[in-house]
C-alpha atoms as a PDB file:
ATOM      1  CA  UNK A   1      -8.681 -57.476  30.861  1.00  0.00           C
ATOM      2  CA  UNK A   2     -10.410 -54.915  33.072  1.00  0.00           C
ATOM      3  CA  UNK A   3     -11.790 -55.440  36.544  1.00  0.00           C
ATOM      4  CA  UNK A   4     -14.210 -52.702  37.519  1.00  0.00           C
ATOM      5  CA  UNK A   5     -14.102 -51.911  41.245  1.00  0.00           C
ATOM      6  CA  UNK A   6     -15.898 -48.788  42.442  1.00  0.00           C
ATOM      7  CA  UNK A   7     -15.246 -46.998  39.135  1.00  0.00           C
ATOM      8  CA  UNK A   8     -11.559 -47.961  39.198  1.00  0.00           C
ATOM      9  CA  UNK A   9     -10.333 -50.404  36.562  1.00  0.00           C
ATOM     10  CA  UNK A  10      -7.311 -52.661  37.003  1.00  0.00           C
ATOM     11  CA  UNK A  11      -5.562 -53.543  33.758  1.00  0.00           C
ATOM     12  CA  UNK A  12      -2.199 -54.318  32.197  1.00  0.00           C
ATOM     13  CA  UNK A  13       0.146 -51.343  31.873  1.00  0.00           C
ATOM     14  CA  UNK A  14       0.742 -50.128  28.320  1.00  0.00           C
ATOM     15  CA  UNK A  15       3.451 -47.824  26.963  1.00  0.00           C
ATOM     16  CA  UNK A  16       1.313 -44.673  27.115  1.00  0.00           C
ATOM     17  CA  UNK A  17       0.898 -45.189  30.903  1.00  0.00           C
ATOM     18  CA  UNK A  18       4.629 -44.947  31.627  1.00  0.00           C
ATOM     19  CA  UNK A  19       5.064 -41.163  31.742  1.00  0.00           C
ATOM     20  CA  UNK A  20       2.098 -40.661  34.083  1.00  0.00           C
ATOM     21  CA  UNK A  21       3.151 -43.497  36.416  1.00  0.00           C
ATOM     22  CA  UNK A  22       6.716 -42.202  36.568  1.00  0.00           C
ATOM     23  CA  UNK A  23       5.441 -38.749  37.624  1.00  0.00           C
ATOM     24  CA  UNK A  24       3.800 -39.933  40.847  1.00  0.00           C
ATOM     25  CA  UNK A  25       6.428 -42.502  41.807  1.00  0.00           C
ATOM     26  CA  UNK A  26       9.288 -40.850  43.695  1.00  0.00           C
ATOM     27  CA  UNK A  27      11.504 -43.954  43.588  1.00  0.00           C
ATOM     28  CA  UNK A  28      11.134 -45.260  40.023  1.00  0.00           C
ATOM     29  CA  UNK A  29      11.205 -43.261  36.800  1.00  0.00           C
ATOM     30  CA  UNK A  30      10.371 -44.316  33.254  1.00  0.00           C
ATOM     31  CA  UNK A  31      13.805 -45.851  32.722  1.00  0.00           C
ATOM     32  CA  UNK A  32      13.562 -48.034  35.839  1.00  0.00           C
ATOM     33  CA  UNK A  33      10.091 -49.211  34.863  1.00  0.00           C
ATOM     34  CA  UNK A  34      11.202 -50.025  31.306  1.00  0.00           C
ATOM     35  CA  UNK A  35      14.304 -51.827  32.577  1.00  0.00           C
ATOM     36  CA  UNK A  36      12.223 -54.006  34.920  1.00  0.00           C
ATOM     37  CA  UNK A  37       9.784 -54.893  32.135  1.00  0.00           C
ATOM     38  CA  UNK A  38      12.507 -56.198  29.825  1.00  0.00           C
ATOM     39  CA  UNK A  39      12.261 -59.530  31.651  1.00  0.00           C
ATOM     40  CA  UNK A  40       9.526 -61.718  30.121  1.00  0.00           C
ATOM     41  CA  UNK A  41       8.367 -62.883  33.570  1.00  0.00           C
ATOM     42  CA  UNK A  42       7.871 -59.332  34.875  1.00  0.00           C
ATOM     43  CA  UNK A  43       4.394 -57.831  34.696  1.00  0.00           C
ATOM     44  CA  UNK A  44       3.003 -54.334  35.278  1.00  0.00           C
ATOM     45  CA  UNK A  45      -0.611 -53.525  36.099  1.00  0.00           C
ATOM     46  CA  UNK A  46      -2.301 -50.211  36.761  1.00  0.00           C
ATOM     47  CA  UNK A  47      -5.408 -49.048  38.535  1.00  0.00           C
ATOM     48  CA  UNK A  48      -7.086 -46.248  36.634  1.00  0.00           C
ATOM     49  CA  UNK A  49      -9.994 -43.894  36.947  1.00  0.00           C
ATOM     50  CA  UNK A  50     -11.158 -41.727  34.097  1.00  0.00           C
ATOM     51  CA  UNK A  51      -8.620 -43.365  31.788  1.00  0.00           C
ATOM     52  CA  UNK A  52      -5.705 -42.027  33.852  1.00  0.00           C
ATOM     53  CA  UNK A  53      -3.388 -44.256  35.887  1.00  0.00           C
ATOM     54  CA  UNK A  54      -3.806 -43.616  39.609  1.00  0.00           C
ATOM     55  CA  UNK A  55      -1.484 -46.393  40.776  1.00  0.00           C
ATOM     56  CA  UNK A  56       0.597 -49.277  39.484  1.00  0.00           C
ATOM     57  CA  UNK A  57       2.528 -52.355  40.517  1.00  0.00           C
ATOM     58  CA  UNK A  58       5.358 -54.300  38.936  1.00  0.00           C
ATOM     59  CA  UNK A  59       5.941 -57.906  39.902  1.00  0.00           C
ATOM     60  CA  UNK A  60       7.857 -60.922  38.695  1.00  0.00           C
ATOM     61  CA  UNK A  61       6.576 -64.474  38.530  1.00  0.00           C
ATOM     62  CA  UNK A  62       8.909 -67.168  39.855  1.00  0.00           C
ATOM     63  CA  UNK A  63       8.198 -70.872  39.876  1.00  0.00           C
ATOM     64  CA  UNK A  64       6.995 -70.956  43.513  1.00  0.00           C
ATOM     65  CA  UNK A  65       6.550 -67.288  44.383  1.00  0.00           C
ATOM     66  CA  UNK A  66       5.869 -63.750  43.218  1.00  0.00           C
ATOM     67  CA  UNK A  67       8.261 -60.885  43.874  1.00  0.00           C
ATOM     68  CA  UNK A  68       6.684 -57.429  44.117  1.00  0.00           C
ATOM     69  CA  UNK A  69       9.222 -54.958  42.732  1.00  0.00           C
ATOM     70  CA  UNK A  70       7.230 -51.776  43.029  1.00  0.00           C
ATOM     71  CA  UNK A  71       3.824 -50.473  44.012  1.00  0.00           C
ATOM     72  CA  UNK A  72       2.998 -46.771  43.828  1.00  0.00           C
ATOM     73  CA  UNK A  73      -0.167 -44.691  44.032  1.00  0.00           C
ATOM     74  CA  UNK A  74      -0.600 -41.091  42.934  1.00  0.00           C
ATOM     75  CA  UNK A  75      -0.312 -38.968  46.124  1.00  0.00           C
ATOM     76  CA  UNK A  76      -3.662 -37.304  45.342  1.00  0.00           C
ATOM     77  CA  UNK A  77      -5.346 -40.734  45.329  1.00  0.00           C
ATOM     78  CA  UNK A  78      -3.722 -42.360  48.377  1.00  0.00           C
ATOM     79  CA  UNK A  79      -5.724 -43.657  51.331  1.00  0.00           C
ATOM     80  CA  UNK A  80      -8.592 -44.662  49.054  1.00  0.00           C
ATOM     81  CA  UNK A  81      -7.807 -48.373  48.829  1.00  0.00           C
ATOM     82  CA  UNK A  82      -6.151 -48.358  45.395  1.00  0.00           C
ATOM     83  CA  UNK A  83      -2.866 -49.896  46.581  1.00  0.00           C
ATOM     84  CA  UNK A  84      -4.789 -52.534  48.534  1.00  0.00           C
ATOM     85  CA  UNK A  85      -6.808 -53.350  45.423  1.00  0.00           C
ATOM     86  CA  UNK A  86      -3.624 -53.868  43.423  1.00  0.00           C
ATOM     87  CA  UNK A  87      -2.261 -56.116  46.170  1.00  0.00           C
ATOM     88  CA  UNK A  88      -5.574 -57.963  46.204  1.00  0.00           C
ATOM     89  CA  UNK A  89      -5.121 -58.756  42.529  1.00  0.00           C
ATOM     90  CA  UNK A  90      -1.666 -60.122  43.306  1.00  0.00           C
ATOM     91  CA  UNK A  91      -2.942 -62.166  46.261  1.00  0.00           C
ATOM     92  CA  UNK A  92      -5.469 -63.855  43.940  1.00  0.00           C
ATOM     93  CA  UNK A  93      -2.531 -65.447  42.137  1.00  0.00           C
ATOM     94  CA  UNK A  94      -1.350 -67.422  45.164  1.00  0.00           C
ATOM     95  CA  UNK A  95      -2.949 -70.156  47.248  1.00  0.00           C
ATOM     96  CA  UNK A  96      -1.902 -73.415  48.939  1.00  0.00           C
ATOM     97  CA  UNK A  97      -2.923 -75.539  45.952  1.00  0.00           C
ATOM     98  CA  UNK A  98      -1.277 -73.420  43.258  1.00  0.00           C
ATOM     99  CA  UNK A  99       2.319 -73.449  42.108  1.00  0.00           C
ATOM    100  CA  UNK A 100       2.965 -69.994  43.527  1.00  0.00           C
ATOM    101  CA  UNK A 101       2.512 -70.017  47.275  1.00  0.00           C
ATOM    102  CA  UNK A 102       3.722 -66.627  48.507  1.00  0.00           C
ATOM    103  CA  UNK A 103       4.590 -63.025  47.667  1.00  0.00           C
ATOM    104  CA  UNK A 104       7.849 -61.374  48.732  1.00  0.00           C
ATOM    105  CA  UNK A 105       9.078 -57.810  48.578  1.00  0.00           C
ATOM    106  CA  UNK A 106      11.673 -55.618  50.203  1.00  0.00           C
ATOM    107  CA  UNK A 107      11.734 -51.984  51.241  1.00  0.00           C
ATOM    108  CA  UNK A 108      14.373 -49.563  52.479  1.00  0.00           C
ATOM    109  CA  UNK A 109      14.356 -48.940  56.206  1.00  0.00           C
ATOM    110  CA  UNK A 110      13.325 -45.322  55.574  1.00  0.00           C
ATOM    111  CA  UNK A 111       9.949 -46.223  53.982  1.00  0.00           C
ATOM    112  CA  UNK A 112       7.923 -46.500  57.202  1.00  0.00           C
ATOM    113  CA  UNK A 113       4.608 -45.610  55.546  1.00  0.00           C
ATOM    114  CA  UNK A 114       5.097 -48.449  53.044  1.00  0.00           C
ATOM    115  CA  UNK A 115       6.041 -50.864  55.865  1.00  0.00           C
ATOM    116  CA  UNK A 116       2.791 -50.042  57.650  1.00  0.00           C
ATOM    117  CA  UNK A 117       0.823 -50.393  54.407  1.00  0.00           C
ATOM    118  CA  UNK A 118       2.213 -53.887  53.842  1.00  0.00           C
ATOM    119  CA  UNK A 119       1.510 -54.886  57.443  1.00  0.00           C
ATOM    120  CA  UNK A 120      -2.098 -53.663  57.100  1.00  0.00           C
ATOM    121  CA  UNK A 121      -2.391 -55.862  53.997  1.00  0.00           C
ATOM    122  CA  UNK A 122      -1.266 -59.054  55.715  1.00  0.00           C
ATOM    123  CA  UNK A 123       2.474 -58.980  55.002  1.00  0.00           C
ATOM    124  CA  UNK A 124       5.021 -59.732  57.703  1.00  0.00           C
ATOM    125  CA  UNK A 125       8.612 -58.514  57.920  1.00  0.00           C
ATOM    126  CA  UNK A 126      10.898 -61.515  58.262  1.00  0.00           C
ATOM    127  CA  UNK A 127      14.408 -60.148  57.904  1.00  0.00           C
ATOM    128  CA  UNK A 128      16.801 -57.320  57.219  1.00  0.00           C
ATOM    129  CA  UNK A 129      19.412 -57.601  54.471  1.00  0.00           C
ATOM    130  CA  UNK A 130      21.619 -54.673  53.413  1.00  0.00           C
ATOM    131  CA  UNK A 131      19.414 -52.044  55.101  1.00  0.00           C
ATOM    132  CA  UNK A 132      16.240 -53.390  53.466  1.00  0.00           C
ATOM    133  CA  UNK A 133      13.370 -55.046  55.286  1.00  0.00           C
ATOM    134  CA  UNK A 134      12.010 -58.187  53.620  1.00  0.00           C
ATOM    135  CA  UNK A 135       8.292 -58.925  53.737  1.00  0.00           C
ATOM    136  CA  UNK A 136       6.275 -62.030  52.958  1.00  0.00           C
ATOM    137  CA  UNK A 137       2.585 -62.802  52.349  1.00  0.00           C
ATOM    138  CA  UNK A 138       0.957 -64.876  53.655  1.00  0.00           C
ATOM    139  CA  UNK A 139       2.604 -63.935  56.910  1.00  0.00           C
ATOM    140  CA  UNK A 140       2.623 -67.480  58.299  1.00  0.00           C
ATOM    141  CA  UNK A 141       4.951 -68.715  55.560  1.00  0.00           C
ATOM    142  CA  UNK A 142       8.239 -67.582  57.087  1.00  0.00           C
END
């Protein structure tokens, strides 16, 4: 399934996308992505332009929530709304009348740019556990 947004398509990640996504993600490599996707409830989606991945996210569906494991955008394509578009796709999956009511994620303390990105996209930090900040969307849920 493709969603065309300003010449960027959002679709499911396939095996041929892994090497390219691993190149622009400084935290996760191919092995980490493959390991996360072994779980049947874990999903990966990419945003592409010109048939090349420009960003991706990996998330897991739980009975009442979604956990965002990873979101990365190619450094050459940052600040163009691609990460926000991926998050927008994830936000579509939650609402007060659905089974899944919120999204959670956590980030190391050192990832200030990512903290600010989440805040700009409606997430709120609600705690610190083992040097990681925990975020929730919608922000009024915690």
